[in-house]
Amino acid sequence: MGVAENSGGQSEVSAFVNARKLTYPVLLDDGSAGSAYSLGSIPHSVLIDAQGKLSGTFEGTITRAGVESAVLALQPATPRC
């Protein structure tokens, strides 16, 4: 999910989403989501696990490889024989 904070109104954010062909939901934040996660910079990304626990934060831009690495780190270790 993406969160648009201080990014204009619904029509401006919708135009951004459509232009980039985003396929995930984008929340228009009134500031409460940013406050809840103590965001100090934009862009700022948070990784929330299946239990709703904050599992990682990323300041600035993030790559797909960075997200994949963080998600893989959440998986339980595979026992080795």
PDB file of N, CA and C in Angstrom:
ATOM      1  N   MET A   1       0.849  -1.162   0.000  1.00  0.00           N
ATOM      2  CA  MET A   1       0.000   0.000   0.000  1.00  0.00           C
ATOM      3  C   MET A   1       0.895   1.224   0.000  1.00  0.00           C
ATOM      4  N   GLY A   2       0.500   2.221  -0.731  1.00  0.00           N
ATOM      5  CA  GLY A   2       1.202   3.498  -0.714  1.00  0.00           C
ATOM      6  C   GLY A   2       0.414   4.507   0.098  1.00  0.00           C
ATOM      7  N   VAL A   3       1.099   5.472   0.635  1.00  0.00           N
ATOM      8  CA  VAL A   3       0.453   6.540   1.391  1.00  0.00           C
ATOM      9  C   VAL A   3       0.896   7.869   0.802  1.00  0.00           C
ATOM     10  N   ALA A   4      -0.066   8.678   0.422  1.00  0.00           N
ATOM     11  CA  ALA A   4       0.223  10.002  -0.117  1.00  0.00           C
ATOM     12  C   ALA A   4      -0.084  11.033   0.962  1.00  0.00           C
ATOM     13  N   GLU A   5       0.961  11.684   1.438  1.00  0.00           N
ATOM     14  CA  GLU A   5       0.805  12.705   2.476  1.00  0.00           C
ATOM     15  C   GLU A   5       1.338  14.015   1.924  1.00  0.00           C
ATOM     16  N   ASN A   6       0.556  15.055   2.046  1.00  0.00           N
ATOM     17  CA  ASN A   6       0.931  16.371   1.510  1.00  0.00           C
ATOM     18  C   ASN A   6       1.246  16.278   0.016  1.00  0.00           C
ATOM     19  N   SER A   7       0.439  15.501  -0.703  1.00  0.00           N
ATOM     20  CA  SER A   7       0.703  15.263  -2.122  1.00  0.00           C
ATOM     21  C   SER A   7      -0.392  15.802  -3.025  1.00  0.00           C
ATOM     22  N   GLY A   8      -1.236  16.656  -2.514  1.00  0.00           N
ATOM     23  CA  GLY A   8      -2.344  17.168  -3.298  1.00  0.00           C
ATOM     24  C   GLY A   8      -3.613  16.414  -2.979  1.00  0.00           C
ATOM     25  N   GLY A   9      -4.650  16.730  -3.716  1.00  0.00           N
ATOM     26  CA  GLY A   9      -5.937  16.104  -3.493  1.00  0.00           C
ATOM     27  C   GLY A   9      -6.081  14.798  -4.238  1.00  0.00           C
ATOM     28  N   GLN A  10      -7.291  14.259  -4.165  1.00  0.00           N
ATOM     29  CA  GLN A  10      -7.568  12.961  -4.768  1.00  0.00           C
ATOM     30  C   GLN A  10      -7.295  12.953  -6.265  1.00  0.00           C
ATOM     31  N   SER A  11      -7.658  14.011  -6.977  1.00  0.00           N
ATOM     32  CA  SER A  11      -7.460  14.013  -8.434  1.00  0.00           C
ATOM     33  C   SER A  11      -5.977  14.027  -8.797  1.00  0.00           C
ATOM     34  N   GLU A  12      -5.166  14.757  -8.040  1.00  0.00           N
ATOM     35  CA  GLU A  12      -3.728  14.803  -8.320  1.00  0.00           C
ATOM     36  C   GLU A  12      -3.067  13.453  -8.032  1.00  0.00           C
ATOM     37  N   VAL A  13      -3.431  12.838  -6.914  1.00  0.00           N
ATOM     38  CA  VAL A  13      -2.861  11.536  -6.561  1.00  0.00           C
ATOM     39  C   VAL A  13      -3.344  10.471  -7.544  1.00  0.00           C
ATOM     40  N   SER A  14      -4.608  10.519  -7.938  1.00  0.00           N
ATOM     41  CA  SER A  14      -5.133   9.565  -8.925  1.00  0.00           C
ATOM     42  C   SER A  14      -4.391   9.685 -10.247  1.00  0.00           C
ATOM     43  N   ALA A  15      -4.095  10.909 -10.667  1.00  0.00           N
ATOM     44  CA  ALA A  15      -3.345  11.114 -11.909  1.00  0.00           C
ATOM     45  C   ALA A  15      -1.950  10.501 -11.802  1.00  0.00           C
ATOM     46  N   PHE A  16      -1.292  10.664 -10.648  1.00  0.00           N
ATOM     47  CA  PHE A  16       0.026  10.071 -10.407  1.00  0.00           C
ATOM     48  C   PHE A  16      -0.051   8.550 -10.487  1.00  0.00           C
ATOM     49  N   VAL A  17      -1.033   7.963  -9.810  1.00  0.00           N
ATOM     50  CA  VAL A  17      -1.211   6.507  -9.786  1.00  0.00           C
ATOM     51  C   VAL A  17      -1.455   5.984 -11.198  1.00  0.00           C
ATOM     52  N   ASN A  18      -2.329   6.651 -11.927  1.00  0.00           N
ATOM     53  CA  ASN A  18      -2.648   6.221 -13.293  1.00  0.00           C
ATOM     54  C   ASN A  18      -1.452   6.367 -14.232  1.00  0.00           C
ATOM     55  N   ALA A  19      -0.717   7.458 -14.117  1.00  0.00           N
ATOM     56  CA  ALA A  19       0.436   7.697 -14.994  1.00  0.00           C
ATOM     57  C   ALA A  19       1.519   6.642 -14.788  1.00  0.00           C
ATOM     58  N   ARG A  20       1.662   6.163 -13.575  1.00  0.00           N
ATOM     59  CA  ARG A  20       2.695   5.178 -13.264  1.00  0.00           C
ATOM     60  C   ARG A  20       2.163   3.752 -13.252  1.00  0.00           C
ATOM     61  N   LYS A  21       0.876   3.609 -13.553  1.00  0.00           N
ATOM     62  CA  LYS A  21       0.226   2.297 -13.635  1.00  0.00           C
ATOM     63  C   LYS A  21       0.431   1.480 -12.353  1.00  0.00           C
ATOM     64  N   LEU A  22       0.279   2.157 -11.208  1.00  0.00           N
ATOM     65  CA  LEU A  22       0.422   1.471  -9.925  1.00  0.00           C
ATOM     66  C   LEU A  22      -0.741   0.514  -9.739  1.00  0.00           C
ATOM     67  N   THR A  23      -0.465  -0.650  -9.198  1.00  0.00           N
ATOM     68  CA  THR A  23      -1.503  -1.668  -9.028  1.00  0.00           C
ATOM     69  C   THR A  23      -1.833  -1.926  -7.561  1.00  0.00           C
ATOM     70  N   TYR A  24      -1.257  -1.149  -6.670  1.00  0.00           N
ATOM     71  CA  TYR A  24      -1.539  -1.313  -5.251  1.00  0.00           C
ATOM     72  C   TYR A  24      -2.358  -0.116  -4.757  1.00  0.00           C
ATOM     73  N   PRO A  25      -3.088  -0.287  -3.642  1.00  0.00           N
ATOM     74  CA  PRO A  25      -3.901   0.814  -3.134  1.00  0.00           C
ATOM     75  C   PRO A  25      -3.031   1.952  -2.612  1.00  0.00           C
ATOM     76  N   VAL A  26      -3.516   3.182  -2.774  1.00  0.00           N
ATOM     77  CA  VAL A  26      -2.823   4.366  -2.277  1.00  0.00           C
ATOM     78  C   VAL A  26      -3.784   5.129  -1.366  1.00  0.00           C
ATOM     79  N   LEU A  27      -3.368   5.311  -0.124  1.00  0.00           N
ATOM     80  CA  LEU A  27      -4.155   6.007   0.889  1.00  0.00           C
ATOM     81  C   LEU A  27      -3.846   7.487   0.845  1.00  0.00           C
ATOM     82  N   LEU A  28      -4.862   8.324   0.878  1.00  0.00           N
ATOM     83  CA  LEU A  28      -4.658   9.760   1.038  1.00  0.00           C
ATOM     84  C   LEU A  28      -4.623  10.025   2.541  1.00  0.00           C
ATOM     85  N   ASP A  29      -3.461  10.378   3.051  1.00  0.00           N
ATOM     86  CA  ASP A  29      -3.273  10.537   4.495  1.00  0.00           C
ATOM     87  C   ASP A  29      -3.517  11.975   4.912  1.00  0.00           C
ATOM     88  N   ASP A  30      -4.220  12.131   6.000  1.00  0.00           N
ATOM     89  CA  ASP A  30      -4.445  13.454   6.574  1.00  0.00           C
ATOM     90  C   ASP A  30      -3.349  13.816   7.575  1.00  0.00           C
ATOM     91  N   GLY A  31      -2.328  12.999   7.653  1.00  0.00           N
ATOM     92  CA  GLY A  31      -1.228  13.207   8.594  1.00  0.00           C
ATOM     93  C   GLY A  31      -1.216  12.200   9.721  1.00  0.00           C
ATOM     94  N   SER A  32      -2.320  11.489   9.930  1.00  0.00           N
ATOM     95  CA  SER A  32      -2.383  10.561  11.061  1.00  0.00           C
ATOM     96  C   SER A  32      -1.516   9.320  10.846  1.00  0.00           C
ATOM     97  N   ALA A  33      -1.415   8.805   9.625  1.00  0.00           N
ATOM     98  CA  ALA A  33      -0.553   7.644   9.377  1.00  0.00           C
ATOM     99  C   ALA A  33       0.907   8.025   9.577  1.00  0.00           C
ATOM    100  N   GLY A  34       1.293   9.191   9.082  1.00  0.00           N
ATOM    101  CA  GLY A  34       2.661   9.662   9.272  1.00  0.00           C
ATOM    102  C   GLY A  34       3.004   9.831  10.738  1.00  0.00           C
ATOM    103  N   SER A  35       2.068  10.338  11.506  1.00  0.00           N
ATOM    104  CA  SER A  35       2.284  10.509  12.948  1.00  0.00           C
ATOM    105  C   SER A  35       2.373   9.168  13.655  1.00  0.00           C
ATOM    106  N   ALA A  36       1.530   8.219  13.249  1.00  0.00           N
ATOM    107  CA  ALA A  36       1.506   6.907  13.895  1.00  0.00           C
ATOM    108  C   ALA A  36       2.831   6.175  13.748  1.00  0.00           C
ATOM    109  N   TYR A  37       3.529   6.397  12.630  1.00  0.00           N
ATOM    110  CA  TYR A  37       4.794   5.705  12.376  1.00  0.00           C
ATOM    111  C   TYR A  37       6.001   6.626  12.522  1.00  0.00           C
ATOM    112  N   SER A  38       5.806   7.799  13.119  1.00  0.00           N
ATOM    113  CA  SER A  38       6.893   8.751  13.388  1.00  0.00           C
ATOM    114  C   SER A  38       7.758   9.019  12.161  1.00  0.00           C
ATOM    115  N   LEU A  39       7.109   9.329  11.050  1.00  0.00           N
ATOM    116  CA  LEU A  39       7.850   9.597   9.825  1.00  0.00           C
ATOM    117  C   LEU A  39       8.559  10.939   9.932  1.00  0.00           C
ATOM    118  N   GLY A  40       9.862  10.926   9.685  1.00  0.00           N
ATOM    119  CA  GLY A  40      10.638  12.150   9.769  1.00  0.00           C
ATOM    120  C   GLY A  40      11.078  12.669   8.418  1.00  0.00           C
ATOM    121  N   SER A  41      10.979  11.838   7.389  1.00  0.00           N
ATOM    122  CA  SER A  41      11.394  12.263   6.059  1.00  0.00           C
ATOM    123  C   SER A  41      10.469  11.644   5.016  1.00  0.00           C
ATOM    124  N   ILE A  42      10.461  12.255   3.864  1.00  0.00           N
ATOM    125  CA  ILE A  42       9.672  11.741   2.748  1.00  0.00           C
ATOM    126  C   ILE A  42      10.603  11.643   1.563  1.00  0.00           C
ATOM    127  N   PRO A  43      10.665  10.537   0.830  1.00  0.00           N
ATOM    128  CA  PRO A  43       9.848   9.349   1.074  1.00  0.00           C
ATOM    129  C   PRO A  43      10.364   8.539   2.252  1.00  0.00           C
ATOM    130  N   HIS A  44       9.459   7.863   2.867  1.00  0.00           N
ATOM    131  CA  HIS A  44       9.756   7.001   4.010  1.00  0.00           C
ATOM    132  C   HIS A  44       8.878   5.773   3.854  1.00  0.00           C
ATOM    133  N   SER A  45       9.466   4.612   3.924  1.00  0.00           N
ATOM    134  CA  SER A  45       8.717   3.374   3.767  1.00  0.00           C
ATOM    135  C   SER A  45       8.810   2.559   5.038  1.00  0.00           C
ATOM    136  N   VAL A  46       7.716   1.877   5.355  1.00  0.00           N
ATOM    137  CA  VAL A  46       7.706   0.980   6.505  1.00  0.00           C
ATOM    138  C   VAL A  46       7.272  -0.395   6.040  1.00  0.00           C
ATOM    139  N   LEU A  47       7.817  -1.407   6.660  1.00  0.00           N
ATOM    140  CA  LEU A  47       7.468  -2.792   6.377  1.00  0.00           C
ATOM    141  C   LEU A  47       6.725  -3.317   7.591  1.00  0.00           C
ATOM    142  N   ILE A  48       5.497  -3.763   7.369  1.00  0.00           N
ATOM    143  CA  ILE A  48       4.653  -4.251   8.453  1.00  0.00           C
ATOM    144  C   ILE A  48       4.409  -5.734   8.218  1.00  0.00           C
ATOM    145  N   ASP A  49       4.687  -6.564   9.235  1.00  0.00           N
ATOM    146  CA  ASP A  49       4.546  -8.009   9.056  1.00  0.00           C
ATOM    147  C   ASP A  49       3.080  -8.435   9.140  1.00  0.00           C
ATOM    148  N   ALA A  50       2.827  -9.715   8.986  1.00  0.00           N
ATOM    149  CA  ALA A  50       1.471 -10.254   8.944  1.00  0.00           C
ATOM    150  C   ALA A  50       0.709 -10.040  10.253  1.00  0.00           C
ATOM    151  N   GLN A  51       1.428  -9.844  11.354  1.00  0.00           N
ATOM    152  CA  GLN A  51       0.785  -9.598  12.644  1.00  0.00           C
ATOM    153  C   GLN A  51       0.565  -8.108  12.909  1.00  0.00           C
ATOM    154  N   GLY A  52       0.929  -7.261  11.951  1.00  0.00           N
ATOM    155  CA  GLY A  52       0.750  -5.820  12.107  1.00  0.00           C
ATOM    156  C   GLY A  52       1.898  -5.136  12.834  1.00  0.00           C
ATOM    157  N   LYS A  53       2.994  -5.847  13.049  1.00  0.00           N
ATOM    158  CA  LYS A  53       4.159  -5.306  13.759  1.00  0.00           C
ATOM    159  C   LYS A  53       5.097  -4.604  12.766  1.00  0.00           C
ATOM    160  N   LEU A  54       5.575  -3.447  13.147  1.00  0.00           N
ATOM    161  CA  LEU A  54       6.549  -2.714  12.339  1.00  0.00           C
ATOM    162  C   LEU A  54       7.837  -3.526  12.301  1.00  0.00           C
ATOM    163  N   SER A  55       8.231  -3.949  11.099  1.00  0.00           N
ATOM    164  CA  SER A  55       9.382  -4.838  10.963  1.00  0.00           C
ATOM    165  C   SER A  55      10.569  -4.204  10.268  1.00  0.00           C
ATOM    166  N   GLY A  56      10.393  -3.043   9.712  1.00  0.00           N
ATOM    167  CA  GLY A  56      11.503  -2.383   9.041  1.00  0.00           C
ATOM    168  C   GLY A  56      11.116  -0.992   8.585  1.00  0.00           C
ATOM    169  N   THR A  57      12.094  -0.116   8.493  1.00  0.00           N
ATOM    170  CA  THR A  57      11.862   1.235   7.985  1.00  0.00           C
ATOM    171  C   THR A  57      12.942   1.572   6.972  1.00  0.00           C
ATOM    172  N   PHE A  58      12.586   2.393   6.016  1.00  0.00           N
ATOM    173  CA  PHE A  58      13.498   2.801   4.967  1.00  0.00           C
ATOM    174  C   PHE A  58      13.376   4.308   4.770  1.00  0.00           C
ATOM    175  N   GLU A  59      14.457   5.028   4.987  1.00  0.00           N
ATOM    176  CA  GLU A  59      14.488   6.469   4.748  1.00  0.00           C
ATOM    177  C   GLU A  59      14.869   6.710   3.300  1.00  0.00           C
ATOM    178  N   GLY A  60      14.184   7.600   2.625  1.00  0.00           N
ATOM    179  CA  GLY A  60      14.505   7.911   1.238  1.00  0.00           C
ATOM    180  C   GLY A  60      13.969   6.856   0.289  1.00  0.00           C
ATOM    181  N   THR A  61      14.484   6.865  -0.905  1.00  0.00           N
ATOM    182  CA  THR A  61      13.993   5.914  -1.897  1.00  0.00           C
ATOM    183  C   THR A  61      14.487   4.509  -1.579  1.00  0.00           C
ATOM    184  N   ILE A  62      13.750   3.544  -2.065  1.00  0.00           N
ATOM    185  CA  ILE A  62      14.101   2.142  -1.826  1.00  0.00           C
ATOM    186  C   ILE A  62      13.951   1.382  -3.141  1.00  0.00           C
ATOM    187  N   THR A  63      14.806   0.425  -3.307  1.00  0.00           N
ATOM    188  CA  THR A  63      14.763  -0.385  -4.522  1.00  0.00           C
ATOM    189  C   THR A  63      13.930  -1.643  -4.283  1.00  0.00           C
ATOM    190  N   ARG A  64      13.534  -2.262  -5.355  1.00  0.00           N
ATOM    191  CA  ARG A  64      12.822  -3.536  -5.254  1.00  0.00           C
ATOM    192  C   ARG A  64      13.691  -4.561  -4.530  1.00  0.00           C
ATOM    193  N   ALA A  65      14.988  -4.589  -4.857  1.00  0.00           N
ATOM    194  CA  ALA A  65      15.905  -5.529  -4.208  1.00  0.00           C
ATOM    195  C   ALA A  65      15.956  -5.283  -2.703  1.00  0.00           C
ATOM    196  N   GLY A  66      15.909  -4.030  -2.293  1.00  0.00           N
ATOM    197  CA  GLY A  66      15.919  -3.705  -0.870  1.00  0.00           C
ATOM    198  C   GLY A  66      14.677  -4.215  -0.156  1.00  0.00           C
ATOM    199  N   VAL A  67      13.527  -4.067  -0.798  1.00  0.00           N
ATOM    200  CA  VAL A  67      12.282  -4.567  -0.213  1.00  0.00           C
ATOM    201  C   VAL A  67      12.306  -6.093  -0.154  1.00  0.00           C
ATOM    202  N   GLU A  68      12.732  -6.731  -1.246  1.00  0.00           N
ATOM    203  CA  GLU A  68      12.785  -8.192  -1.261  1.00  0.00           C
ATOM    204  C   GLU A  68      13.710  -8.723  -0.179  1.00  0.00           C
ATOM    205  N   SER A  69      14.842  -8.090   0.007  1.00  0.00           N
ATOM    206  CA  SER A  69      15.793  -8.512   1.039  1.00  0.00           C
ATOM    207  C   SER A  69      15.170  -8.391   2.431  1.00  0.00           C
ATOM    208  N   ALA A  70      14.462  -7.289   2.676  1.00  0.00           N
ATOM    209  CA  ALA A  70      13.830  -7.081   3.980  1.00  0.00           C
ATOM    210  C   ALA A  70      12.721  -8.100   4.222  1.00  0.00           C
ATOM    211  N   VAL A  71      11.948  -8.421   3.197  1.00  0.00           N
ATOM    212  CA  VAL A  71      10.872  -9.403   3.337  1.00  0.00           C
ATOM    213  C   VAL A  71      11.460 -10.794   3.587  1.00  0.00           C
ATOM    214  N   LEU A  72      12.502 -11.148   2.860  1.00  0.00           N
ATOM    215  CA  LEU A  72      13.142 -12.453   3.066  1.00  0.00           C
ATOM    216  C   LEU A  72      13.690 -12.584   4.482  1.00  0.00           C
ATOM    217  N   ALA A  73      14.155 -11.493   5.049  1.00  0.00           N
ATOM    218  CA  ALA A  73      14.697 -11.525   6.411  1.00  0.00           C
ATOM    219  C   ALA A  73      13.613 -11.825   7.445  1.00  0.00           C
ATOM    220  N   LEU A  74      12.340 -11.616   7.096  1.00  0.00           N
ATOM    221  CA  LEU A  74      11.238 -11.892   8.018  1.00  0.00           C
ATOM    222  C   LEU A  74      10.874 -13.363   8.064  1.00  0.00           C
ATOM    223  N   GLN A  75      11.252 -14.101   7.032  1.00  0.00           N
ATOM    224  CA  GLN A  75      10.892 -15.515   6.966  1.00  0.00           C
ATOM    225  C   GLN A  75      11.714 -16.318   7.973  1.00  0.00           C
ATOM    226  N   PRO A  76      11.087 -17.317   8.566  1.00  0.00           N
ATOM    227  CA  PRO A  76      11.828 -18.153   9.510  1.00  0.00           C
ATOM    228  C   PRO A  76      12.972 -18.865   8.803  1.00  0.00           C
ATOM    229  N   ALA A  77      14.029 -19.052   9.528  1.00  0.00           N
ATOM    230  CA  ALA A  77      15.202 -19.742   8.976  1.00  0.00           C
ATOM    231  C   ALA A  77      14.849 -21.183   8.652  1.00  0.00           C
ATOM    232  N   THR A  78      15.378 -21.661   7.556  1.00  0.00           N
ATOM    233  CA  THR A  78      15.176 -23.051   7.158  1.00  0.00           C
ATOM    234  C   THR A  78      16.233 -23.899   7.841  1.00  0.00           C
ATOM    235  N   PRO A  79      15.794 -24.920   8.590  1.00  0.00           N
ATOM    236  CA  PRO A  79      16.790 -25.775   9.255  1.00  0.00           C
ATOM    237  C   PRO A  79      17.661 -26.501   8.230  1.00  0.00           C
ATOM    238  N   ARG A  80      18.923 -26.608   8.535  1.00  0.00           N
ATOM    239  CA  ARG A  80      19.851 -27.327   7.662  1.00  0.00           C
ATOM    240  C   ARG A  80      20.299 -28.604   8.337  1.00  0.00           C
ATOM    241  N   CYS A  81      20.417 -29.645   7.562  1.00  0.00           N
ATOM    242  CA  CYS A  81      20.833 -30.948   8.109  1.00  0.00           C
ATOM    243  C   CYS A  81      22.334 -31.083   8.056  1.00  0.00           C
TER     244      CYS A  81
END
